[in-house]
Amino acid sequence: MASNRKRLGLSAEDFGLLVGASGQSVYLWEKGETKPREKNLAAIAGLRGVGKREVAERLEALKQAS
């Protein structure tokens, strides 16, 4: 997960926003202290193979909606 987040150039906070979790949760997942819930796993899997441009567009839309 950390390698995918870094490949996309995302902070833990932004990655969390994209997958429906907090940045703190992302750090805990990456450290192996907790595991993502099923809904988060689906969102994480949905980011595989997605490019930086598309991720940036999704992130912008989420930030504008909140």
N, C-alpha and C. Protein backbone atom coordinates (compact mmCIF):
# COMPACT_ATOMS: atom_id res chain seq x y z
N MET A 1 0.83 -1.19 0.00
CA MET A 1 0.00 0.00 0.00
C MET A 1 0.87 1.25 0.00
N ALA A 2 1.91 1.26 0.82
CA ALA A 2 2.78 2.44 0.90
C ALA A 2 3.43 2.73 -0.46
N SER A 3 3.83 1.67 -1.16
CA SER A 3 4.48 1.88 -2.46
C SER A 3 3.50 2.47 -3.47
N ASN A 4 2.25 2.04 -3.43
CA ASN A 4 1.24 2.59 -4.33
C ASN A 4 0.97 4.05 -3.98
N ARG A 5 0.88 4.35 -2.71
CA ARG A 5 0.65 5.74 -2.27
C ARG A 5 1.80 6.63 -2.72
N LYS A 6 3.01 6.15 -2.53
CA LYS A 6 4.18 6.94 -2.92
C LYS A 6 4.29 7.08 -4.43
N ARG A 7 3.93 6.01 -5.16
CA ARG A 7 3.95 6.06 -6.62
C ARG A 7 3.03 7.17 -7.13
N LEU A 8 1.91 7.33 -6.44
CA LEU A 8 0.95 8.36 -6.82
C LEU A 8 1.30 9.74 -6.27
N GLY A 9 2.31 9.80 -5.42
CA GLY A 9 2.74 11.07 -4.85
C GLY A 9 1.75 11.64 -3.85
N LEU A 10 1.09 10.76 -3.10
CA LEU A 10 0.05 11.20 -2.17
C LEU A 10 0.53 11.16 -0.73
N SER A 11 0.06 12.11 0.04
CA SER A 11 0.26 12.05 1.48
C SER A 11 -0.69 11.00 2.04
N ALA A 12 -0.44 10.58 3.26
CA ALA A 12 -1.34 9.62 3.89
C ALA A 12 -2.74 10.22 4.03
N GLU A 13 -2.80 11.51 4.30
CA GLU A 13 -4.10 12.19 4.45
C GLU A 13 -4.88 12.15 3.15
N ASP A 14 -4.22 12.46 2.03
CA ASP A 14 -4.90 12.45 0.73
C ASP A 14 -5.28 11.03 0.32
N PHE A 15 -4.39 10.07 0.56
CA PHE A 15 -4.71 8.68 0.25
C PHE A 15 -5.93 8.24 1.06
N GLY A 16 -5.95 8.63 2.33
CA GLY A 16 -7.09 8.30 3.17
C GLY A 16 -8.38 8.90 2.65
N LEU A 17 -8.32 10.13 2.20
CA LEU A 17 -9.51 10.78 1.65
C LEU A 17 -10.04 10.00 0.44
N LEU A 18 -9.14 9.51 -0.38
CA LEU A 18 -9.54 8.75 -1.57
C LEU A 18 -10.16 7.40 -1.23
N VAL A 19 -9.74 6.80 -0.12
CA VAL A 19 -10.23 5.46 0.21
C VAL A 19 -11.21 5.46 1.38
N GLY A 20 -11.60 6.64 1.84
CA GLY A 20 -12.62 6.73 2.88
C GLY A 20 -12.11 6.47 4.29
N ALA A 21 -10.89 6.94 4.57
CA ALA A 21 -10.31 6.74 5.89
C ALA A 21 -9.50 7.97 6.27
N SER A 22 -9.01 7.99 7.49
CA SER A 22 -8.16 9.10 7.93
C SER A 22 -6.71 8.83 7.56
N GLY A 23 -5.92 9.87 7.56
CA GLY A 23 -4.49 9.71 7.32
C GLY A 23 -3.84 8.84 8.39
N GLN A 24 -4.31 8.97 9.62
CA GLN A 24 -3.79 8.16 10.72
C GLN A 24 -4.04 6.68 10.46
N SER A 25 -5.22 6.36 9.96
CA SER A 25 -5.53 4.96 9.64
C SER A 25 -4.58 4.43 8.58
N VAL A 26 -4.29 5.25 7.58
CA VAL A 26 -3.36 4.83 6.52
C VAL A 26 -1.99 4.51 7.12
N TYR A 27 -1.49 5.37 8.01
CA TYR A 27 -0.20 5.11 8.65
C TYR A 27 -0.24 3.81 9.44
N LEU A 28 -1.31 3.57 10.16
CA LEU A 28 -1.43 2.34 10.95
C LEU A 28 -1.49 1.11 10.06
N TRP A 29 -2.17 1.21 8.93
CA TRP A 29 -2.21 0.09 7.97
C TRP A 29 -0.81 -0.19 7.45
N GLU A 30 -0.11 0.87 7.07
CA GLU A 30 1.22 0.70 6.49
C GLU A 30 2.21 0.13 7.50
N LYS A 31 2.03 0.45 8.76
CA LYS A 31 2.90 -0.08 9.81
C LYS A 31 2.51 -1.49 10.23
N GLY A 32 1.36 -1.97 9.75
CA GLY A 32 0.90 -3.30 10.09
C GLY A 32 0.22 -3.39 11.45
N GLU A 33 -0.11 -2.24 12.03
CA GLU A 33 -0.75 -2.24 13.35
C GLU A 33 -2.25 -2.51 13.27
N THR A 34 -2.86 -2.13 12.18
CA THR A 34 -4.28 -2.42 11.95
C THR A 34 -4.44 -2.82 10.49
N LYS A 35 -5.62 -3.30 10.15
CA LYS A 35 -5.92 -3.68 8.77
C LYS A 35 -7.11 -2.88 8.27
N PRO A 36 -7.12 -2.56 6.99
CA PRO A 36 -8.25 -1.82 6.42
C PRO A 36 -9.54 -2.65 6.48
N ARG A 37 -10.64 -1.95 6.61
CA ARG A 37 -11.95 -2.61 6.55
C ARG A 37 -12.23 -3.00 5.11
N GLU A 38 -13.23 -3.85 4.94
CA GLU A 38 -13.54 -4.36 3.61
C GLU A 38 -13.85 -3.24 2.62
N LYS A 39 -14.61 -2.23 3.06
CA LYS A 39 -14.95 -1.12 2.15
C LYS A 39 -13.69 -0.35 1.74
N ASN A 40 -12.74 -0.24 2.67
CA ASN A 40 -11.50 0.45 2.35
C ASN A 40 -10.64 -0.38 1.40
N LEU A 41 -10.65 -1.70 1.60
CA LEU A 41 -9.88 -2.58 0.71
C LEU A 41 -10.34 -2.44 -0.73
N ALA A 42 -11.64 -2.36 -0.93
CA ALA A 42 -12.18 -2.21 -2.28
C ALA A 42 -11.71 -0.89 -2.90
N ALA A 43 -11.72 0.18 -2.11
CA ALA A 43 -11.28 1.48 -2.61
C ALA A 43 -9.78 1.48 -2.90
N ILE A 44 -9.01 0.81 -2.04
CA ILE A 44 -7.56 0.71 -2.26
C ILE A 44 -7.28 -0.05 -3.55
N ALA A 45 -7.98 -1.15 -3.75
CA ALA A 45 -7.81 -1.94 -4.98
C ALA A 45 -8.19 -1.12 -6.21
N GLY A 46 -9.17 -0.24 -6.06
CA GLY A 46 -9.60 0.60 -7.16
C GLY A 46 -8.57 1.62 -7.59
N LEU A 47 -7.59 1.88 -6.75
CA LEU A 47 -6.54 2.84 -7.10
C LEU A 47 -5.36 2.20 -7.83
N ARG A 48 -5.32 0.88 -7.85
CA ARG A 48 -4.24 0.21 -8.57
C ARG A 48 -4.41 0.45 -10.06
N GLY A 49 -3.33 0.78 -10.70
CA GLY A 49 -3.37 0.99 -12.14
C GLY A 49 -3.91 2.36 -12.55
N VAL A 50 -4.25 3.19 -11.57
CA VAL A 50 -4.74 4.54 -11.86
C VAL A 50 -3.54 5.48 -11.88
N GLY A 51 -3.53 6.39 -12.81
CA GLY A 51 -2.43 7.32 -12.94
C GLY A 51 -2.56 8.54 -12.05
N LYS A 52 -1.47 9.28 -11.97
CA LYS A 52 -1.43 10.48 -11.11
C LYS A 52 -2.47 11.51 -11.51
N ARG A 53 -2.68 11.68 -12.80
CA ARG A 53 -3.62 12.70 -13.27
C ARG A 53 -5.05 12.37 -12.82
N GLU A 54 -5.44 11.12 -12.99
CA GLU A 54 -6.79 10.71 -12.58
C GLU A 54 -6.96 10.81 -11.07
N VAL A 55 -5.95 10.41 -10.33
CA VAL A 55 -6.01 10.51 -8.86
C VAL A 55 -6.15 11.97 -8.45
N ALA A 56 -5.41 12.85 -9.09
CA ALA A 56 -5.48 14.28 -8.76
C ALA A 56 -6.89 14.81 -9.03
N GLU A 57 -7.51 14.37 -10.12
CA GLU A 57 -8.87 14.81 -10.44
C GLU A 57 -9.87 14.30 -9.40
N ARG A 58 -9.74 13.02 -9.01
CA ARG A 58 -10.63 12.46 -7.98
C ARG A 58 -10.47 13.21 -6.66
N LEU A 59 -9.22 13.46 -6.31
CA LEU A 59 -8.93 14.14 -5.05
C LEU A 59 -9.51 15.55 -5.04
N GLU A 60 -9.35 16.25 -6.14
CA GLU A 60 -9.89 17.61 -6.25
C GLU A 60 -11.41 17.61 -6.10
N ALA A 61 -12.06 16.65 -6.74
CA ALA A 61 -13.52 16.55 -6.66
C ALA A 61 -13.96 16.28 -5.21
N LEU A 62 -13.24 15.41 -4.53
CA LEU A 62 -13.58 15.09 -3.14
C LEU A 62 -13.39 16.31 -2.23
N LYS A 63 -12.32 17.05 -2.47
CA LYS A 63 -12.06 18.24 -1.64
C LYS A 63 -13.09 19.33 -1.88
N GLN A 64 -13.54 19.47 -3.12
CA GLN A 64 -14.57 20.47 -3.42
C GLN A 64 -15.90 20.08 -2.83
N ALA A 65 -16.19 18.79 -2.76
CA ALA A 65 -17.46 18.31 -2.24
C ALA A 65 -17.56 18.46 -0.72
N SER A 66 -16.42 18.54 -0.05
CA SER A 66 -16.48 18.64 1.41
C SER A 66 -16.38 20.04 1.92
